[in-house]
Amino acid sequence: MIEVKETQLKQYFTLSKAILTALHQGEEEKVPVLIEQREVCISTINKLDEEAGMVLINETIQMQLTELTALEMEIQNQMQQTMKRLSNHVRYVHNEQYLRSQYEDRVTVSKGVFYDSKK
């Protein structure tokens, strides 16, 4: 069972690296799929621990968890930067849309037509 858990942790680590790579390359649309795949790894690991009746751990797993902790911190920082960047982009688009709407005609009047008010 420990070997299966180690394999799942390796897969989790690989998926975490893929998330970080996607964030660095600006491919945010790939992140939710990768996170879902990581959730499958987590649920498998939890099932293994439940079946064993205790938390399965050895030196290899301990080292993997240490590496994962550092990687998770990096992913969190990158996610925050991505969120700020996307938020700024959305704010910019809304501001641009607002500015464009200021110059649109409020009343629909055909242009180039003269209305004689004396008649």
N, C-alpha and C. Protein backbone atom coordinates (compact mmCIF):
# COMPACT_ATOMS: atom_id res chain seq x y z
N MET A 1 0.82 -1.20 0.00
CA MET A 1 0.00 0.00 0.00
C MET A 1 0.86 1.26 0.00
N ILE A 2 2.00 1.18 0.66
CA ILE A 2 2.88 2.35 0.72
C ILE A 2 3.39 2.68 -0.68
N GLU A 3 3.67 1.65 -1.48
CA GLU A 3 4.16 1.89 -2.84
C GLU A 3 3.11 2.61 -3.68
N VAL A 4 1.85 2.23 -3.49
CA VAL A 4 0.76 2.89 -4.22
C VAL A 4 0.66 4.34 -3.79
N LYS A 5 0.80 4.59 -2.50
CA LYS A 5 0.73 5.96 -1.99
C LYS A 5 1.89 6.79 -2.54
N GLU A 6 3.08 6.19 -2.59
CA GLU A 6 4.23 6.91 -3.15
C GLU A 6 3.99 7.25 -4.62
N THR A 7 3.41 6.30 -5.35
CA THR A 7 3.10 6.54 -6.76
C THR A 7 2.09 7.67 -6.92
N GLN A 8 1.07 7.67 -6.08
CA GLN A 8 0.05 8.73 -6.13
C GLN A 8 0.67 10.09 -5.78
N LEU A 9 1.57 10.10 -4.81
CA LEU A 9 2.23 11.37 -4.45
C LEU A 9 3.12 11.85 -5.59
N LYS A 10 3.76 10.94 -6.30
CA LYS A 10 4.58 11.33 -7.46
C LYS A 10 3.69 11.94 -8.54
N GLN A 11 2.54 11.30 -8.77
CA GLN A 11 1.60 11.84 -9.75
C GLN A 11 1.09 13.21 -9.31
N TYR A 12 0.81 13.36 -8.03
CA TYR A 12 0.36 14.64 -7.47
C TYR A 12 1.44 15.70 -7.70
N PHE A 13 2.70 15.33 -7.47
CA PHE A 13 3.82 16.25 -7.67
C PHE A 13 3.91 16.65 -9.14
N THR A 14 3.75 15.69 -10.03
CA THR A 14 3.81 15.97 -11.47
C THR A 14 2.69 16.92 -11.88
N LEU A 15 1.50 16.67 -11.38
CA LEU A 15 0.37 17.55 -11.70
C LEU A 15 0.59 18.95 -11.13
N SER A 16 1.18 19.03 -9.95
CA SER A 16 1.46 20.34 -9.35
C SER A 16 2.47 21.10 -10.20
N LYS A 17 3.48 20.40 -10.70
CA LYS A 17 4.46 21.03 -11.58
C LYS A 17 3.78 21.52 -12.87
N ALA A 18 2.84 20.72 -13.38
CA ALA A 18 2.12 21.11 -14.59
C ALA A 18 1.28 22.36 -14.34
N ILE A 19 0.68 22.45 -13.17
CA ILE A 19 -0.10 23.66 -12.81
C ILE A 19 0.81 24.88 -12.79
N LEU A 20 1.96 24.74 -12.16
CA LEU A 20 2.89 25.85 -12.08
C LEU A 20 3.38 26.26 -13.47
N THR A 21 3.66 25.30 -14.31
CA THR A 21 4.11 25.59 -15.68
C THR A 21 3.01 26.31 -16.46
N ALA A 22 1.77 25.85 -16.31
CA ALA A 22 0.65 26.49 -17.00
C ALA A 22 0.48 27.93 -16.53
N LEU A 23 0.64 28.16 -15.24
CA LEU A 23 0.51 29.53 -14.72
C LEU A 23 1.63 30.42 -15.24
N HIS A 24 2.85 29.88 -15.31
CA HIS A 24 3.98 30.67 -15.81
C HIS A 24 3.82 31.01 -17.29
N GLN A 25 3.21 30.09 -18.04
CA GLN A 25 3.06 30.31 -19.48
C GLN A 25 1.78 31.06 -19.83
N GLY A 26 0.98 31.40 -18.83
CA GLY A 26 -0.24 32.15 -19.09
C GLY A 26 -1.37 31.31 -19.64
N GLU A 27 -1.35 30.01 -19.38
CA GLU A 27 -2.40 29.10 -19.86
C GLU A 27 -3.32 28.74 -18.70
N GLU A 28 -4.01 29.75 -18.18
CA GLU A 28 -4.86 29.58 -17.00
C GLU A 28 -6.02 28.63 -17.22
N GLU A 29 -6.43 28.46 -18.48
CA GLU A 29 -7.56 27.58 -18.76
C GLU A 29 -7.25 26.11 -18.49
N LYS A 30 -5.99 25.74 -18.44
CA LYS A 30 -5.60 24.35 -18.15
C LYS A 30 -5.62 24.04 -16.65
N VAL A 31 -5.56 25.05 -15.82
CA VAL A 31 -5.41 24.86 -14.37
C VAL A 31 -6.59 24.11 -13.74
N PRO A 32 -7.85 24.45 -14.03
CA PRO A 32 -8.94 23.71 -13.37
C PRO A 32 -8.93 22.20 -13.64
N VAL A 33 -8.58 21.81 -14.85
CA VAL A 33 -8.52 20.38 -15.19
C VAL A 33 -7.43 19.70 -14.38
N LEU A 34 -6.28 20.36 -14.28
CA LEU A 34 -5.16 19.79 -13.51
C LEU A 34 -5.50 19.70 -12.03
N ILE A 35 -6.21 20.69 -11.53
CA ILE A 35 -6.60 20.67 -10.12
C ILE A 35 -7.57 19.51 -9.86
N GLU A 36 -8.48 19.28 -10.79
CA GLU A 36 -9.41 18.15 -10.64
C GLU A 36 -8.65 16.82 -10.62
N GLN A 37 -7.64 16.70 -11.47
CA GLN A 37 -6.84 15.48 -11.48
C GLN A 37 -6.08 15.31 -10.17
N ARG A 38 -5.63 16.41 -9.61
CA ARG A 38 -4.95 16.34 -8.31
C ARG A 38 -5.92 15.91 -7.22
N GLU A 39 -7.16 16.35 -7.30
CA GLU A 39 -8.17 15.95 -6.32
C GLU A 39 -8.40 14.44 -6.36
N VAL A 40 -8.33 13.85 -7.54
CA VAL A 40 -8.47 12.40 -7.67
C VAL A 40 -7.31 11.71 -6.93
N CYS A 41 -6.10 12.25 -7.08
CA CYS A 41 -4.94 11.69 -6.36
C CYS A 41 -5.14 11.80 -4.85
N ILE A 42 -5.63 12.93 -4.40
CA ILE A 42 -5.84 13.13 -2.96
C ILE A 42 -6.88 12.15 -2.44
N SER A 43 -7.97 11.96 -3.18
CA SER A 43 -8.99 11.03 -2.70
C SER A 43 -8.46 9.60 -2.68
N THR A 44 -7.62 9.23 -3.64
CA THR A 44 -7.01 7.90 -3.65
C THR A 44 -6.09 7.72 -2.45
N ILE A 45 -5.32 8.74 -2.14
CA ILE A 45 -4.42 8.68 -0.99
C ILE A 45 -5.22 8.56 0.30
N ASN A 46 -6.29 9.32 0.41
CA ASN A 46 -7.14 9.25 1.60
C ASN A 46 -7.76 7.87 1.76
N LYS A 47 -8.19 7.26 0.65
CA LYS A 47 -8.76 5.92 0.71
C LYS A 47 -7.72 4.90 1.18
N LEU A 48 -6.50 5.05 0.69
CA LEU A 48 -5.43 4.14 1.12
C LEU A 48 -5.18 4.24 2.62
N ASP A 49 -5.16 5.47 3.12
CA ASP A 49 -4.94 5.67 4.56
C ASP A 49 -6.10 5.10 5.37
N GLU A 50 -7.33 5.26 4.87
CA GLU A 50 -8.49 4.71 5.57
C GLU A 50 -8.46 3.19 5.59
N GLU A 51 -8.08 2.59 4.46
CA GLU A 51 -8.01 1.14 4.40
C GLU A 51 -6.95 0.58 5.34
N ALA A 52 -5.86 1.32 5.48
CA ALA A 52 -4.79 0.87 6.36
C ALA A 52 -5.14 1.12 7.83
N GLY A 53 -6.06 2.01 8.07
CA GLY A 53 -6.44 2.33 9.45
C GLY A 53 -5.52 3.32 10.12
N MET A 54 -4.55 3.83 9.37
CA MET A 54 -3.61 4.83 9.89
C MET A 54 -3.01 5.57 8.71
N VAL A 55 -2.29 6.62 9.01
CA VAL A 55 -1.63 7.39 7.96
C VAL A 55 -0.35 6.65 7.58
N LEU A 56 -0.31 6.25 6.32
CA LEU A 56 0.87 5.54 5.83
C LEU A 56 1.98 6.54 5.57
N ILE A 57 3.12 6.34 6.19
CA ILE A 57 4.23 7.26 6.02
C ILE A 57 5.55 6.52 6.19
N ASN A 58 6.52 6.92 5.39
CA ASN A 58 7.90 6.45 5.54
C ASN A 58 8.81 7.60 5.15
N GLU A 59 10.10 7.35 5.07
CA GLU A 59 11.04 8.45 4.79
C GLU A 59 10.82 9.03 3.40
N THR A 60 10.53 8.18 2.43
CA THR A 60 10.31 8.65 1.06
C THR A 60 9.08 9.55 1.00
N ILE A 61 8.01 9.12 1.64
CA ILE A 61 6.79 9.91 1.66
C ILE A 61 7.03 11.23 2.39
N GLN A 62 7.79 11.18 3.46
CA GLN A 62 8.10 12.40 4.21
C GLN A 62 8.86 13.39 3.33
N MET A 63 9.83 12.91 2.55
CA MET A 63 10.58 13.79 1.65
C MET A 63 9.67 14.34 0.55
N GLN A 64 8.79 13.50 0.02
CA GLN A 64 7.85 13.96 -1.01
C GLN A 64 6.95 15.06 -0.46
N LEU A 65 6.47 14.88 0.75
CA LEU A 65 5.60 15.89 1.35
C LEU A 65 6.33 17.20 1.58
N THR A 66 7.59 17.13 1.95
CA THR A 66 8.39 18.35 2.13
C THR A 66 8.54 19.08 0.82
N GLU A 67 8.83 18.35 -0.26
CA GLU A 67 8.94 18.97 -1.58
C GLU A 67 7.61 19.56 -2.02
N LEU A 68 6.53 18.83 -1.74
CA LEU A 68 5.20 19.31 -2.12
C LEU A 68 4.81 20.59 -1.39
N THR A 69 5.23 20.70 -0.14
CA THR A 69 4.92 21.90 0.63
C THR A 69 5.54 23.13 -0.02
N ALA A 70 6.80 23.01 -0.41
CA ALA A 70 7.49 24.13 -1.07
C ALA A 70 6.83 24.44 -2.41
N LEU A 71 6.47 23.41 -3.14
CA LEU A 71 5.84 23.60 -4.44
C LEU A 71 4.46 24.25 -4.29
N GLU A 72 3.72 23.85 -3.27
CA GLU A 72 2.40 24.44 -3.03
C GLU A 72 2.49 25.93 -2.71
N MET A 73 3.51 26.31 -1.96
CA MET A 73 3.70 27.74 -1.65
C MET A 73 3.97 28.52 -2.94
N GLU A 74 4.76 27.95 -3.81
CA GLU A 74 5.06 28.61 -5.08
C GLU A 74 3.81 28.72 -5.95
N ILE A 75 3.00 27.65 -5.96
CA ILE A 75 1.76 27.67 -6.73
C ILE A 75 0.82 28.74 -6.17
N GLN A 76 0.72 28.83 -4.85
CA GLN A 76 -0.16 29.85 -4.24
C GLN A 76 0.28 31.26 -4.64
N ASN A 77 1.59 31.51 -4.59
CA ASN A 77 2.10 32.84 -4.97
C ASN A 77 1.79 33.14 -6.43
N GLN A 78 2.02 32.15 -7.28
CA GLN A 78 1.76 32.35 -8.71
C GLN A 78 0.27 32.55 -8.98
N MET A 79 -0.58 31.82 -8.24
CA MET A 79 -2.03 31.98 -8.41
C MET A 79 -2.46 33.39 -8.00
N GLN A 80 -1.89 33.91 -6.92
CA GLN A 80 -2.23 35.26 -6.49
C GLN A 80 -1.81 36.28 -7.52
N GLN A 81 -0.62 36.11 -8.09
CA GLN A 81 -0.17 37.03 -9.13
C GLN A 81 -1.07 36.95 -10.36
N THR A 82 -1.46 35.75 -10.72
CA THR A 82 -2.35 35.57 -11.87
C THR A 82 -3.70 36.21 -11.61
N MET A 83 -4.22 36.04 -10.40
CA MET A 83 -5.51 36.65 -10.05
C MET A 83 -5.42 38.17 -10.12
N LYS A 84 -4.34 38.74 -9.63
CA LYS A 84 -4.17 40.19 -9.70
C LYS A 84 -4.11 40.66 -11.15
N ARG A 85 -3.35 39.92 -11.97
CA ARG A 85 -3.21 40.29 -13.37
C ARG A 85 -4.55 40.22 -14.09
N LEU A 86 -5.29 39.14 -13.86
CA LEU A 86 -6.60 39.00 -14.50
C LEU A 86 -7.59 40.04 -13.98
N SER A 87 -7.52 40.35 -12.69
CA SER A 87 -8.39 41.37 -12.12
C SER A 87 -8.11 42.74 -12.74
N ASN A 88 -6.83 43.05 -12.89
CA ASN A 88 -6.47 44.31 -13.52
C ASN A 88 -6.93 44.36 -14.97
N HIS A 89 -6.83 43.25 -15.66
CA HIS A 89 -7.28 43.20 -17.05
C HIS A 89 -8.80 43.41 -17.13
N VAL A 90 -9.55 42.77 -16.25
CA VAL A 90 -11.01 42.94 -16.24
C VAL A 90 -11.36 44.39 -15.92
N ARG A 91 -10.67 44.97 -14.95
CA ARG A 91 -10.91 46.37 -14.59
C ARG A 91 -10.61 47.29 -15.77
N TYR A 92 -9.53 47.01 -16.49
CA TYR A 92 -9.18 47.80 -17.66
C TYR A 92 -10.25 47.70 -18.73
N VAL A 93 -10.74 46.49 -18.99
CA VAL A 93 -11.77 46.30 -20.01
C VAL A 93 -13.06 47.01 -19.62
N HIS A 94 -13.45 46.92 -18.34
CA HIS A 94 -14.66 47.61 -17.89
C HIS A 94 -14.50 49.12 -18.03
N ASN A 95 -13.34 49.64 -17.68
CA ASN A 95 -13.08 51.07 -17.79
C ASN A 95 -13.12 51.50 -19.25
N GLU A 96 -12.53 50.71 -20.11
CA GLU A 96 -12.53 51.02 -21.53
C GLU A 96 -13.95 51.01 -22.09
N GLN A 97 -14.74 50.04 -21.67
CA GLN A 97 -16.13 49.95 -22.11
C GLN A 97 -16.92 51.16 -21.61
N TYR A 98 -16.67 51.57 -20.38
CA TYR A 98 -17.35 52.73 -19.82
C TYR A 98 -16.99 53.99 -20.61
N LEU A 99 -15.72 54.16 -20.92
CA LEU A 99 -15.30 55.34 -21.67
C LEU A 99 -15.91 55.36 -23.07
N ARG A 100 -16.00 54.21 -23.71
CA ARG A 100 -16.63 54.15 -25.03
C ARG A 100 -18.10 54.52 -24.94
N SER A 101 -18.77 54.08 -23.89
CA SER A 101 -20.20 54.35 -23.77
C SER A 101 -20.46 55.83 -23.52
N GLN A 102 -19.49 56.58 -23.05
CA GLN A 102 -19.68 58.00 -22.80
C GLN A 102 -19.82 58.78 -24.09
N TYR A 103 -19.28 58.26 -25.18
CA TYR A 103 -19.31 58.98 -26.44
C TYR A 103 -20.39 58.47 -27.39
N GLU A 104 -21.15 57.50 -26.94
CA GLU A 104 -22.24 57.02 -27.78
C GLU A 104 -23.44 57.95 -27.66
N ASP A 105 -24.21 58.02 -28.73
CA ASP A 105 -25.41 58.87 -28.70
C ASP A 105 -26.45 58.23 -27.80
N ARG A 106 -27.00 59.04 -26.92
CA ARG A 106 -28.04 58.55 -26.02
C ARG A 106 -29.40 58.50 -26.72
N VAL A 107 -29.65 59.48 -27.58
CA VAL A 107 -30.92 59.57 -28.30
C VAL A 107 -30.65 59.17 -29.74
N THR A 108 -31.47 58.31 -30.23
CA THR A 108 -31.27 57.86 -31.61
C THR A 108 -31.90 58.86 -32.55
N VAL A 109 -31.06 59.60 -33.22
CA VAL A 109 -31.48 60.59 -34.21
C VAL A 109 -30.66 60.30 -35.45
N SER A 110 -31.33 60.31 -36.58
CA SER A 110 -30.57 60.06 -37.81
C SER A 110 -29.67 61.26 -38.05
N LYS A 111 -28.46 60.99 -38.37
CA LYS A 111 -27.48 62.06 -38.55
C LYS A 111 -27.58 62.62 -39.97
N GLY A 112 -27.29 63.89 -40.09
CA GLY A 112 -27.31 64.52 -41.39
C GLY A 112 -28.68 65.04 -41.80
N VAL A 113 -29.63 64.99 -40.93
CA VAL A 113 -30.97 65.47 -41.26
C VAL A 113 -31.21 66.76 -40.48
N PHE A 114 -31.69 67.77 -41.19
CA PHE A 114 -31.97 69.05 -40.55
C PHE A 114 -33.47 69.13 -40.28
N TYR A 115 -33.80 69.47 -39.06
CA TYR A 115 -35.21 69.62 -38.69
C TYR A 115 -35.51 71.10 -38.58
N ASP A 116 -36.50 71.55 -39.36
CA ASP A 116 -36.92 72.95 -39.33
C ASP A 116 -37.93 73.12 -38.22
N SER A 117 -37.58 73.89 -37.20
CA SER A 117 -38.47 74.04 -36.06
C SER A 117 -39.53 75.11 -36.30
N LYS A 118 -39.48 75.93 -37.36
CA LYS A 118 -40.43 77.01 -37.62
C LYS A 118 -41.71 76.50 -38.26
N LYS A 119 -41.72 75.38 -38.86
CA LYS A 119 -42.92 74.89 -39.55
C LYS A 119 -43.86 74.24 -38.62
